[in-house]
Protein backbone atom coordinates (compact mmCIF):
# COMPACT_ATOMS: atom_id res chain seq x y z
CA MET A 1 100.76 -124.40 -30.90
CA ASN A 2 102.25 -121.90 -28.44
CA TYR A 3 99.97 -119.07 -27.36
CA PRO A 4 101.32 -115.73 -26.09
CA PRO A 5 100.99 -115.07 -22.33
CA SER A 6 97.60 -113.59 -21.50
CA SER A 7 98.07 -112.16 -18.01
CA ARG A 8 100.45 -109.66 -16.48
CA ALA A 9 101.65 -112.27 -13.98
CA GLU A 10 102.60 -114.65 -16.79
CA LYS A 11 104.47 -111.90 -18.63
CA ASN A 12 106.37 -110.94 -15.47
CA GLU A 13 107.27 -114.56 -14.89
CA LEU A 14 108.61 -114.89 -18.43
CA ARG A 15 110.68 -111.73 -18.02
CA ARG A 16 112.04 -113.01 -14.72
CA LYS A 17 113.08 -116.32 -16.28
CA ALA A 18 114.65 -114.54 -19.26
CA GLY A 19 116.64 -112.28 -16.92
CA PHE A 20 117.82 -115.25 -14.90
CA ILE A 21 118.99 -117.11 -18.02
CA SER A 22 120.74 -113.99 -19.24
CA ARG A 23 122.64 -113.61 -15.95
CA THR A 24 123.60 -117.28 -16.07
CA VAL A 25 125.22 -117.17 -19.52
CA THR A 26 126.69 -113.64 -19.43
CA PRO A 27 130.28 -113.46 -18.13
CA ASP A 28 130.62 -111.33 -15.00
CA HIS A 29 134.02 -109.67 -14.87
CA GLY A 30 133.40 -108.57 -11.29
CA ALA A 31 133.76 -112.17 -10.13
CA LEU A 32 137.00 -113.63 -8.81
CA ARG A 33 139.61 -114.33 -11.43
CA PHE A 34 140.32 -117.83 -10.13
CA CYS A 35 138.54 -120.42 -7.99
CA PRO A 36 139.94 -120.31 -4.41
CA ILE A 37 140.00 -124.12 -4.01
CA PRO A 38 143.71 -125.12 -3.75
CA GLY A 39 144.98 -126.61 -7.00
CA CYS A 40 141.97 -125.58 -9.10
CA GLY A 41 143.10 -122.36 -10.80
CA ARG A 42 140.06 -122.18 -13.10
CA PRO A 43 137.61 -119.26 -13.36
CA PRO A 44 134.41 -119.22 -11.28
CA GLN A 45 131.06 -119.93 -12.89
CA ALA A 46 130.04 -116.29 -13.27
CA ARG A 47 133.33 -115.18 -14.88
CA ALA A 48 133.15 -118.06 -17.36
CA GLY A 49 129.47 -117.38 -18.18
CA ARG A 50 128.40 -120.84 -17.06
CA GLY A 51 126.54 -120.16 -13.82
CA LEU A 52 126.00 -117.67 -11.02
CA SER A 53 128.77 -118.40 -8.52
CA LEU A 54 131.12 -115.44 -8.16
CA THR A 55 133.74 -117.45 -6.32
CA HIS A 56 133.92 -121.13 -7.34
CA TYR A 57 134.43 -123.19 -10.48
CA ARG A 58 131.37 -125.14 -11.64
CA PHE A 59 132.87 -128.56 -10.80
CA HIS A 60 133.09 -127.63 -7.10
CA ILE A 61 129.53 -126.26 -7.13
CA GLN A 62 128.30 -129.56 -8.60
CA HIS A 63 130.42 -131.51 -6.10
CA ARG A 64 128.80 -129.64 -3.21
CA ASN A 65 125.36 -130.28 -4.71
CA ARG A 66 126.04 -134.02 -4.75
CA HIS A 67 128.17 -134.53 -1.63
CA GLY A 68 127.61 -131.48 0.59
CA SER A 69 131.17 -130.18 0.34
CA MET A 70 133.23 -128.41 -2.31
CA TRP A 71 136.02 -131.00 -2.05
CA LYS A 72 135.16 -133.79 0.40
CA GLY A 73 133.50 -136.87 -1.08
CA THR A 74 130.87 -139.23 0.31
CA TYR A 75 131.78 -141.68 3.05
CA SER A 76 132.10 -145.24 1.80
CA ALA A 77 130.36 -148.22 3.39
CA ALA A 78 133.75 -149.41 4.69
CA ASP A 79 134.36 -146.03 6.36
CA LEU A 80 131.02 -146.18 8.18
CA LYS A 81 130.97 -149.90 9.02
CA PRO A 82 132.61 -149.69 12.48
CA TYR A 83 130.41 -146.74 13.43
CA ARG A 84 127.27 -148.52 12.24
CA ARG A 85 128.12 -151.71 14.14
CA ALA A 86 128.83 -149.83 17.35
CA ALA A 87 125.67 -147.70 17.03
CA GLU A 88 123.45 -150.68 16.29
CA SER A 89 124.80 -152.71 19.22
CA TYR A 90 124.43 -149.78 21.60
CA LEU A 91 120.90 -148.90 20.49
CA LYS A 92 119.64 -152.48 20.74
CA ALA A 93 120.96 -152.64 24.30
CA HIS A 94 119.23 -149.36 25.27
CA LEU A 95 115.88 -149.44 23.46
CA THR A 96 114.04 -148.40 26.63
CA ASP A 97 116.05 -145.18 26.97
CA LEU A 98 113.77 -142.14 26.81
CA TRP A 99 115.56 -140.33 23.99
CA ILE A 100 116.14 -143.46 21.90
CA ALA A 101 112.52 -144.60 22.20
CA HIS A 102 111.29 -141.10 21.37
CA ALA A 103 113.55 -140.87 18.30
CA LEU A 104 112.34 -144.22 16.95
CA LEU A 105 108.70 -143.17 17.38
CA ALA A 106 109.39 -139.80 15.72
CA ILE A 107 111.11 -141.45 12.75
CA GLN A 108 108.14 -143.79 12.34
CA ALA A 109 105.87 -140.73 12.37
CA LEU A 110 107.98 -139.19 9.58
CA LEU A 111 107.51 -142.32 7.50
CA ASP A 112 103.79 -142.63 8.23
CA GLY A 113 103.13 -138.96 7.45
CA ALA A 114 105.08 -138.85 4.19
CA GLY A 115 102.01 -139.22 1.99
CA PRO A 116 101.67 -141.32 -1.16
CA VAL A 117 104.56 -142.98 -2.98
CA GLU A 118 105.38 -140.95 -6.08
CA ARG A 119 106.75 -142.39 -9.31
CA VAL A 120 110.51 -141.95 -9.64
CA VAL A 121 110.12 -140.54 -13.15
CA ASP A 122 107.98 -137.70 -11.75
CA LEU A 123 110.52 -136.57 -9.16
CA ARG A 124 112.42 -134.20 -11.46
CA ARG A 125 109.35 -131.96 -11.70
CA MET A 126 108.81 -131.77 -7.94
CA THR A 127 110.01 -129.24 -5.39
CA PRO A 128 112.79 -130.34 -3.00
CA TYR A 129 110.28 -130.69 -0.15
CA ARG A 130 108.05 -133.03 -2.16
CA LYS A 131 111.10 -135.05 -3.21
CA ALA A 132 112.06 -135.46 0.44
CA ARG A 133 108.54 -136.57 1.39
CA SER A 134 108.54 -139.02 -1.49
CA ALA A 135 111.83 -140.50 -0.26
CA PHE A 136 110.30 -141.14 3.17
CA ALA A 137 107.24 -142.67 1.49
CA ARG A 138 109.46 -145.12 -0.45
CA LEU A 139 111.18 -146.07 2.80
CA ARG A 140 107.78 -146.79 4.35
CA ARG A 141 106.75 -148.94 1.39
CA ALA A 142 110.03 -150.87 1.56
CA GLY A 143 109.48 -151.54 5.26
CA VAL A 144 112.75 -149.93 6.37
CA PRO A 145 112.72 -149.94 10.19
CA PRO A 146 113.35 -146.65 12.03
CA LEU A 147 116.30 -148.24 13.85
CA ARG A 148 118.30 -148.42 10.59
CA LEU A 149 117.78 -144.72 9.95
CA LEU A 150 118.82 -143.82 13.49
CA VAL A 151 121.92 -146.01 13.14
CA ASP A 152 122.92 -144.20 9.94
CA HIS A 153 122.39 -140.80 11.55
CA LEU A 154 124.63 -141.69 14.50
CA ALA A 155 127.25 -143.38 12.32
CA ILE A 156 127.67 -140.38 10.02
CA THR A 157 127.61 -137.89 12.89
CA GLY A 158 130.24 -139.93 14.73
CA ALA A 159 132.44 -140.43 11.66
CA LEU A 160 132.47 -136.71 10.95
CA ARG A 161 133.30 -135.89 14.57
CA GLU A 162 136.41 -138.08 14.40
CA ASP A 163 137.36 -137.11 10.83
CA SER A 164 140.53 -135.02 10.60
CA ILE A 165 139.61 -133.77 7.10
CA ARG A 166 136.95 -131.12 7.55
CA PRO A 167 134.34 -130.51 4.82
CA GLY A 168 134.25 -126.70 5.11
CA GLY A 169 131.27 -124.72 3.85
CA GLU A 170 128.08 -124.03 5.77
CA PRO A 171 127.86 -125.61 9.25
CA ASP A 172 126.26 -129.09 9.12
CA ASP A 173 125.76 -128.86 5.33
CA TYR A 174 128.00 -131.86 4.65
CA ARG A 175 126.67 -133.92 7.56
CA LEU A 176 123.01 -133.39 6.63
CA THR A 177 123.71 -134.19 2.98
CA GLN A 178 125.51 -137.40 3.96
CA ILE A 179 122.59 -138.42 6.18
CA GLY A 180 120.22 -137.72 3.28
CA LYS A 181 122.30 -139.81 0.86
CA ALA A 182 122.53 -142.74 3.29
CA THR A 183 118.78 -142.58 3.88
CA LEU A 184 117.99 -142.40 0.16
CA ARG A 185 120.06 -145.52 -0.56
CA LYS A 186 117.80 -147.61 1.67
CA ALA A 187 114.97 -147.50 -0.89
CA SER A 188 115.91 -145.23 -3.76
CA GLY A 189 114.70 -146.74 -7.01
CA TYR A 190 111.88 -148.46 -8.86
CA HIS A 191 112.39 -152.02 -10.09
CA SER A 192 110.21 -154.16 -12.31
CA ILE A 193 110.97 -157.62 -13.73
CA TYR A 194 109.16 -158.53 -16.93
CA GLY A 195 110.87 -161.85 -17.70
CA PRO A 196 114.04 -163.92 -17.30
CA ASN A 197 116.20 -161.39 -19.16
CA SER A 198 114.03 -158.31 -19.02
CA ARG A 199 113.84 -155.82 -16.18
CA TYR A 200 113.42 -152.09 -15.67
CA ASP A 201 115.34 -150.11 -13.04
CA VAL A 202 115.22 -146.36 -12.51
CA TYR A 203 116.83 -144.32 -9.73
CA PRO A 204 116.39 -140.70 -8.65
CA ARG A 205 119.42 -138.44 -8.92
CA SER A 206 121.22 -138.42 -5.57
CA ALA A 207 121.98 -134.71 -5.55
CA GLY A 208 120.28 -131.47 -4.67
CA GLN A 209 118.66 -129.60 -1.84
CA PHE A 210 116.22 -132.40 -1.04
CA LEU A 211 119.09 -134.45 0.44
CA ARG A 212 119.69 -131.75 3.05
CA ILE A 213 115.95 -131.60 3.75
CA ILE A 214 115.91 -135.36 4.42
CA GLY A 215 118.94 -135.00 6.68
CA ARG A 216 117.46 -132.00 8.50
CA ASN A 217 114.18 -133.83 9.19
CA LEU A 218 116.02 -136.81 10.65
CA ASP A 219 118.43 -134.60 12.57
CA ARG A 220 115.54 -132.79 14.23
CA VAL A 221 114.21 -136.02 15.75
CA CYS A 222 117.58 -137.71 16.42
CA GLU A 223 119.68 -134.84 17.77
CA HIS A 224 119.04 -135.66 21.44
CA VAL A 225 120.19 -139.25 20.96
CA ALA A 226 123.45 -137.96 19.48
CA GLU A 227 123.81 -135.40 22.25
CA TYR A 228 123.41 -137.87 25.11
CA HIS A 229 124.72 -141.14 23.65
CA LEU A 230 127.19 -140.49 20.82
CA ASP A 231 130.23 -140.28 23.11
CA ARG A 232 129.46 -143.74 24.48
CA ILE A 233 128.94 -145.13 20.99
CA LEU A 234 132.31 -143.76 19.88
CA ALA A 235 133.93 -145.24 22.97
CA LEU A 236 132.36 -148.62 22.13
CA LYS A 237 133.64 -148.33 18.56
CA ALA A 238 137.16 -147.58 19.79
CA GLU A 239 137.03 -150.48 22.25
CA ARG A 240 135.95 -152.90 19.53
CA ILE A 241 138.68 -151.77 17.16
CA GLY A 242 141.23 -152.26 19.94
CA ARG A 243 139.93 -155.77 20.63
CA SER A 244 139.99 -156.61 16.94
CA GLN A 245 143.61 -155.46 16.58
CA ASN A 246 144.58 -157.55 19.62
CA GLY A 247 142.89 -160.61 18.17
CA ILE A 248 140.20 -160.71 20.88
CA GLU A 249 137.16 -160.02 18.71
């Protein structure tokens, strides 16, 4: 049985939610007539009465939510492989460097301070910050070493620096989202095996603000490694590709 709200705060909250829903589904003729993404030509969310964006079609809003860019997709494993190999080789050869050692300790502190491991089925009810903490907790439970997270951070940062196709949008939005997605893939789901032909797998949705929060937390502790060492890692990557093409490697 549903009871009517008893306090003024509850009534104000209900009115706020009702107003938000009304704005979401009511067409806004003050919005742009067409989405500015080249080749789209469809009305923005607000004009179509299917969201709040005054400028972009809903597909591009969803694409940015999942990938960090209105049009640029996620880097594949093949795209990042040469950057990962170069970063891993370089880091293992310079583990005593001040910035590298500090970054590895700071990443371990992120994992250790992430709190309890939450159930994947409960994540949809959590705030983005709690989702991000839960992701770090799952990484800790899976025993993912900090070196792998630092390698991913450097690989994605290096790939984007050399990428001729820019993601657009807010500065670093795409890069932080990509770092968050790569981090989440290291230990994303829950798996249980009940028998020879019976198992249960569930994965959190790899989209939303919590990906950027994961990326921002890692970027804060890894930025000095990228600042002082990324140029050398990219040079090592280029040297290896040249050797491979010449049949040396």
